[in-house]
Amino acid sequence: MRAERILSAALIEEHPEEAVAILEAAPARDAARLLEDCSAASAAAVLEWMETPTAAACLLCNSPEFAARVLAVLPADSASRFLRAMPMVDQQRLLALLDPQISEVLQGSLRFPDGTAGSMMDPSVFPLPEEIDAREAQRRIRSGSRHVRNYAYVTDRGQSLSGVVHLRDLLLAKPGQQLREVMRPAVERVTAAATQAAIAGHPGWRRFRALPVVDESNRVVGVLRREALKPARVAAAPSPAGWSFSAIGLAQLAWTMSATLLDQLFSAPRSPVSRAEPQGEA
């Protein structure tokens, strides 16, 4: 990898929000080439700040293997949002490269029409059966902790939503206590087919930052978070003082990084050292 691309990748990895403005202004193929020099996690962090069509175009300009690795580390709701912006043939090609479990989750989300709760939800929901005890519930949550925040949703034997349990209540549960004894009845829910207008006026937002999403059979298919109702990004992230990303070109990205590093190096305070007497141990 050339030095310029190494420095560009370093800038992108250290300042993903600030790098977005110049990458969005560049042709998708050029932006994709720079992203592919980064780790999949760093590329995902940048794509999360991009407008959906631009992010999808960048992914399609990358190699399918790299694009699949990025999709695998993205939150499931973001990954499904980017896939929605791609042609069906590209969707299917990338889904085939993913771990089958991740692919299944994303395909479940993609079946819902745009503008519905199902299209905006996080499909990586982690429901728990109500007959297991609190200790087993804690074990399962630990194994899938990236999908659980404050609440876990509880289902009955028919896989229908029956309750919700706060993680705090789960930790305070008595040994052997089943989830049906700890949970609270799940009154608030959103149907996957609900429109954005209906979702925005849902009374559940007065109490919760997230609502379970159910299908026509009342089975939990995802969780809808309040932030999903807002635009992904209203404006480009502010640039640090002295960096004018709108004025510099893609080729200058590395030189900006280099100049910044040199400035930090030469402006760092130095302790005076006598040449006559060597420094001893502190």
Protein backbone atom coordinates (compact mmCIF):
# COMPACT_ATOMS: atom_id res chain seq x y z
CA MET A 1 0.00 0.00 0.00
CA ARG A 2 1.41 3.44 -0.90
CA ALA A 3 2.30 5.85 1.92
CA GLU A 4 -0.48 8.26 0.93
CA ARG A 5 -3.11 5.53 1.21
CA ILE A 6 -1.73 4.38 4.55
CA LEU A 7 -2.00 7.91 5.92
CA SER A 8 -5.47 8.34 4.43
CA ALA A 9 -6.62 5.12 6.09
CA ALA A 10 -5.15 6.31 9.39
CA LEU A 11 -7.07 9.60 9.17
CA ILE A 12 -10.30 7.81 8.33
CA GLU A 13 -9.88 5.36 11.22
CA GLU A 14 -9.03 8.10 13.74
CA HIS A 15 -11.62 10.65 12.57
CA PRO A 16 -14.47 8.79 10.82
CA GLU A 17 -17.06 11.55 11.25
CA GLU A 18 -14.77 14.24 9.83
CA ALA A 19 -13.68 12.07 6.89
CA VAL A 20 -17.29 11.58 5.79
CA ALA A 21 -17.63 14.99 4.13
CA ILE A 22 -14.75 14.49 1.70
CA LEU A 23 -15.60 10.85 1.01
CA GLU A 24 -19.20 11.74 0.18
CA ALA A 25 -17.99 14.44 -2.22
CA ALA A 26 -15.68 12.00 -4.01
CA PRO A 27 -16.75 9.49 -6.68
CA ALA A 28 -18.03 6.34 -4.98
CA ARG A 29 -15.26 4.23 -6.53
CA ASP A 30 -12.52 6.47 -5.09
CA ALA A 31 -14.15 6.60 -1.66
CA ALA A 32 -14.59 2.83 -1.70
CA ARG A 33 -10.90 2.32 -2.50
CA LEU A 34 -9.89 4.33 0.57
CA LEU A 35 -12.41 2.55 2.79
CA GLU A 36 -11.10 -0.82 1.67
CA ASP A 37 -7.69 0.18 3.06
CA CYS A 38 -9.31 0.37 6.53
CA SER A 39 -10.57 -2.35 8.78
CA ALA A 40 -14.17 -3.48 8.29
CA ALA A 41 -15.09 -1.94 11.66
CA SER A 42 -13.62 1.45 10.71
CA ALA A 43 -15.32 1.40 7.31
CA ALA A 44 -18.61 0.60 9.04
CA ALA A 45 -18.15 3.57 11.39
CA VAL A 46 -17.74 5.88 8.39
CA LEU A 47 -20.68 4.43 6.47
CA GLU A 48 -22.96 4.96 9.48
CA TRP A 49 -22.46 8.73 9.01
CA MET A 50 -23.10 8.70 5.27
CA GLU A 51 -26.38 9.19 3.49
CA THR A 52 -27.92 5.81 2.72
CA PRO A 53 -27.63 5.92 -1.13
CA THR A 54 -23.98 7.03 -0.92
CA ALA A 55 -23.10 4.35 1.61
CA ALA A 56 -24.77 1.67 -0.50
CA ALA A 57 -22.89 2.86 -3.61
CA CYS A 58 -19.57 2.69 -1.75
CA LEU A 59 -20.27 -0.84 -0.61
CA LEU A 60 -21.08 -1.91 -4.16
CA CYS A 61 -17.79 -0.43 -5.41
CA ASN A 62 -15.87 -2.50 -2.89
CA SER A 63 -15.10 -6.15 -3.42
CA PRO A 64 -18.11 -8.30 -2.43
CA GLU A 65 -16.01 -10.02 0.23
CA PHE A 66 -15.05 -6.74 1.92
CA ALA A 67 -18.60 -5.38 1.63
CA ALA A 68 -19.90 -8.53 3.32
CA ARG A 69 -17.40 -8.13 6.17
CA VAL A 70 -18.57 -4.54 6.68
CA LEU A 71 -22.25 -5.56 6.66
CA ALA A 72 -21.48 -8.23 9.25
CA VAL A 73 -20.14 -5.70 11.78
CA LEU A 74 -22.75 -3.00 11.13
CA PRO A 75 -25.82 -2.83 13.39
CA ALA A 76 -28.50 -4.93 11.73
CA ASP A 77 -30.83 -1.98 11.15
CA SER A 78 -28.08 -0.04 9.33
CA ALA A 79 -27.05 -3.09 7.32
CA SER A 80 -30.62 -3.72 6.17
CA ARG A 81 -31.03 0.00 5.34
CA PHE A 82 -28.00 -0.10 3.03
CA LEU A 83 -29.10 -3.36 1.43
CA ARG A 84 -32.51 -1.82 0.67
CA ALA A 85 -30.78 0.84 -1.41
CA MET A 86 -29.14 -1.79 -3.64
CA PRO A 87 -30.52 -3.68 -6.65
CA MET A 88 -31.97 -7.05 -5.75
CA VAL A 89 -29.20 -8.98 -7.51
CA ASP A 90 -26.55 -7.21 -5.40
CA GLN A 91 -28.56 -7.78 -2.22
CA GLN A 92 -28.70 -11.50 -2.85
CA ARG A 93 -25.00 -11.73 -3.76
CA LEU A 94 -23.94 -10.05 -0.50
CA LEU A 95 -26.43 -11.96 1.64
CA ALA A 96 -25.01 -15.21 0.27
CA LEU A 97 -21.54 -14.23 1.53
CA LEU A 98 -22.71 -13.52 5.08
CA ASP A 99 -22.90 -15.92 7.98
CA PRO A 100 -26.24 -17.77 7.54
CA GLN A 101 -27.57 -16.50 10.86
CA ILE A 102 -26.83 -12.85 10.00
CA SER A 103 -28.20 -13.34 6.49
CA GLU A 104 -31.45 -14.77 7.85
CA VAL A 105 -31.92 -11.82 10.21
CA LEU A 106 -31.37 -9.29 7.42
CA GLN A 107 -33.62 -11.10 4.97
CA GLY A 108 -36.38 -11.03 7.58
CA SER A 109 -36.11 -7.26 7.72
CA LEU A 110 -35.95 -6.77 3.95
CA ARG A 111 -39.33 -8.40 3.40
CA PHE A 112 -41.13 -5.39 4.88
CA PRO A 113 -42.01 -2.40 2.61
CA ASP A 114 -40.13 0.87 2.88
CA GLY A 115 -41.58 3.35 5.36
CA THR A 116 -43.00 0.70 7.69
CA ALA A 117 -41.90 -0.20 11.19
CA GLY A 118 -40.50 -3.45 9.81
CA SER A 119 -38.18 -1.53 7.46
CA MET A 120 -36.86 0.73 10.24
CA MET A 121 -36.52 -1.78 13.07
CA ASP A 122 -33.42 -3.52 14.36
CA PRO A 123 -34.15 -7.13 13.40
CA SER A 124 -31.48 -8.60 15.69
CA VAL A 125 -33.98 -8.88 18.53
CA PHE A 126 -33.23 -11.31 21.36
CA PRO A 127 -36.51 -12.71 22.75
CA LEU A 128 -36.46 -15.02 25.75
CA PRO A 129 -38.99 -17.80 26.52
CA GLU A 130 -41.01 -17.07 29.65
CA GLU A 131 -40.50 -20.53 31.17
CA ILE A 132 -36.71 -20.21 31.67
CA ASP A 133 -35.39 -18.97 35.01
CA ALA A 134 -33.56 -15.71 35.67
CA ARG A 135 -30.10 -17.30 35.76
CA GLU A 136 -30.56 -18.96 32.36
CA ALA A 137 -31.92 -15.68 30.98
CA GLN A 138 -28.79 -13.88 32.19
CA ARG A 139 -26.58 -16.51 30.54
CA ARG A 140 -28.38 -16.14 27.22
CA ILE A 141 -28.20 -12.36 27.36
CA ARG A 142 -24.47 -12.47 28.03
CA SER A 143 -23.95 -14.69 25.00
CA GLY A 144 -25.91 -12.29 22.79
CA SER A 145 -25.23 -9.05 24.66
CA ARG A 146 -24.64 -6.93 21.54
CA HIS A 147 -28.35 -7.29 20.76
CA VAL A 148 -29.68 -6.32 24.22
CA ARG A 149 -29.71 -2.87 25.79
CA ASN A 150 -32.03 -2.05 28.71
CA TYR A 151 -34.88 -4.46 28.07
CA ALA A 152 -35.33 -8.03 26.92
CA TYR A 153 -38.61 -9.19 25.40
CA VAL A 154 -40.32 -12.35 26.60
CA THR A 155 -42.39 -14.78 24.53
CA ASP A 156 -44.81 -17.58 25.36
CA ARG A 157 -44.71 -21.14 24.01
CA GLY A 158 -46.35 -19.98 20.79
CA GLN A 159 -43.56 -17.41 20.25
CA SER A 160 -46.01 -14.53 20.85
CA LEU A 161 -44.89 -11.47 22.75
CA SER A 162 -46.02 -11.81 26.35
CA GLY A 163 -43.84 -9.50 28.40
CA VAL A 164 -40.81 -7.31 28.84
CA VAL A 165 -38.13 -7.53 31.50
CA HIS A 166 -35.74 -4.79 32.52
CA LEU A 167 -32.19 -6.04 32.96
CA ARG A 168 -32.11 -4.52 36.45
CA ASP A 169 -35.12 -6.60 37.49
CA LEU A 170 -33.48 -9.67 36.03
CA LEU A 171 -30.38 -9.17 38.17
CA LEU A 172 -32.51 -8.73 41.29
CA ALA A 173 -34.61 -11.85 40.63
CA LYS A 174 -34.54 -14.66 43.18
CA PRO A 175 -32.74 -17.91 42.29
CA GLY A 176 -35.04 -20.22 40.33
CA GLN A 177 -37.57 -17.48 39.59
CA GLN A 178 -38.99 -17.87 36.09
CA LEU A 179 -39.21 -14.99 33.67
CA ARG A 180 -43.02 -15.05 33.74
CA GLU A 181 -42.73 -14.09 37.42
CA VAL A 182 -40.24 -11.28 36.80
CA MET A 183 -41.51 -9.76 33.55
CA ARG A 184 -44.02 -6.99 33.11
CA PRO A 185 -46.86 -7.50 30.60
CA ALA A 186 -45.86 -6.08 27.21
CA VAL A 187 -48.68 -3.64 26.55
CA GLU A 188 -46.83 -1.35 24.16
CA ARG A 189 -45.89 -2.75 20.77
CA VAL A 190 -45.75 -1.75 17.12
CA THR A 191 -46.92 -3.85 14.21
CA ALA A 192 -44.37 -4.40 11.47
CA ALA A 193 -46.80 -3.02 8.88
CA ALA A 194 -47.41 0.26 10.76
CA THR A 195 -46.67 3.37 8.71
CA GLN A 196 -44.21 6.04 9.78
CA ALA A 197 -47.04 8.45 10.60
CA ALA A 198 -48.71 5.90 12.87
CA ILE A 199 -45.40 5.05 14.52
CA ALA A 200 -44.54 8.70 15.26
CA GLY A 201 -47.79 9.17 17.17
CA HIS A 202 -47.52 5.97 19.19
CA PRO A 203 -48.18 6.65 22.90
CA GLY A 204 -45.45 4.20 23.91
CA TRP A 205 -42.76 6.80 23.17
CA ARG A 206 -43.85 8.69 26.28
CA ARG A 207 -42.42 5.90 28.44
CA PHE A 208 -39.93 4.01 26.30
CA ARG A 209 -37.05 4.76 23.96
CA ALA A 210 -37.62 1.47 22.15
CA LEU A 211 -40.72 -0.56 21.28
CA PRO A 212 -41.00 -4.22 20.26
CA VAL A 213 -42.13 -4.87 16.68
CA VAL A 214 -44.49 -7.78 16.07
CA ASP A 215 -45.81 -9.44 12.93
CA GLU A 216 -49.40 -10.37 12.16
CA SER A 217 -49.15 -13.35 14.52
CA ASN A 218 -47.85 -11.22 17.42
CA ARG A 219 -44.40 -12.76 17.15
CA VAL A 220 -41.46 -10.49 17.94
CA VAL A 221 -39.55 -9.68 14.76
CA GLY A 222 -37.48 -6.70 15.91
CA VAL A 223 -37.17 -3.63 18.06
CA LEU A 224 -37.81 -0.06 16.91
CA ARG A 225 -35.70 2.62 18.59
CA ARG A 226 -36.79 6.22 18.73
CA GLU A 227 -33.66 7.44 16.96
CA ALA A 228 -34.64 5.37 13.91
CA LEU A 229 -37.49 7.82 13.30
CA LYS A 230 -35.03 10.68 12.81
CA PRO A 231 -33.02 11.27 9.64
CA ALA A 232 -29.76 9.34 9.71
CA ARG A 233 -27.75 12.55 9.40
CA VAL A 234 -29.14 16.04 8.94
CA ALA A 235 -25.84 17.70 8.08
CA ALA A 236 -22.21 16.77 7.65
CA ALA A 237 -20.25 16.46 10.85
CA PRO A 238 -18.32 19.61 11.78
CA SER A 239 -14.67 19.68 10.70
CA PRO A 240 -11.93 20.29 13.26
CA ALA A 241 -10.46 23.80 13.36
CA GLY A 242 -8.00 24.36 10.54
CA TRP A 243 -9.27 21.48 8.39
CA SER A 244 -11.37 22.57 5.43
CA PHE A 245 -12.59 19.27 4.03
CA SER A 246 -14.84 21.00 1.52
CA ALA A 247 -11.83 22.81 0.03
CA ILE A 248 -9.28 20.00 -0.22
CA GLY A 249 -9.34 17.21 -2.74
CA LEU A 250 -9.33 13.48 -2.18
CA ALA A 251 -5.63 13.25 -3.04
CA GLN A 252 -4.81 15.77 -0.30
CA LEU A 253 -6.39 13.69 2.46
CA ALA A 254 -3.09 11.99 3.23
CA TRP A 255 -1.13 15.25 3.19
CA THR A 256 -3.55 16.76 5.70
CA MET A 257 -2.98 13.82 7.99
CA SER A 258 0.79 14.07 7.54
CA ALA A 259 0.85 17.80 8.27
CA THR A 260 -1.27 17.30 11.37
CA LEU A 261 1.08 14.62 12.72
CA LEU A 262 4.16 16.75 12.04
CA ASP A 263 2.58 19.76 13.70
CA GLN A 264 1.81 17.70 16.79
CA LEU A 265 5.36 16.34 16.83
CA PHE A 266 7.13 19.70 16.66
CA SER A 267 4.71 21.57 18.91
CA ALA A 268 4.96 19.04 21.76
CA PRO A 269 6.71 20.53 24.83
CA ARG A 270 10.20 19.19 25.42
CA SER A 271 11.99 18.93 28.74
CA PRO A 272 15.38 20.69 28.77
CA VAL A 273 18.26 18.23 28.87
CA SER A 274 21.79 19.24 29.77
CA ARG A 275 24.40 17.98 27.34
CA ALA A 276 27.11 18.18 30.01
CA GLU A 277 25.51 15.81 32.47
CA PRO A 278 23.54 12.69 31.45
CA GLN A 279 20.08 12.32 32.94
CA GLY A 280 19.83 9.89 35.82
CA GLU A 281 16.85 7.75 36.81
CA ALA A 282 13.90 9.49 38.38
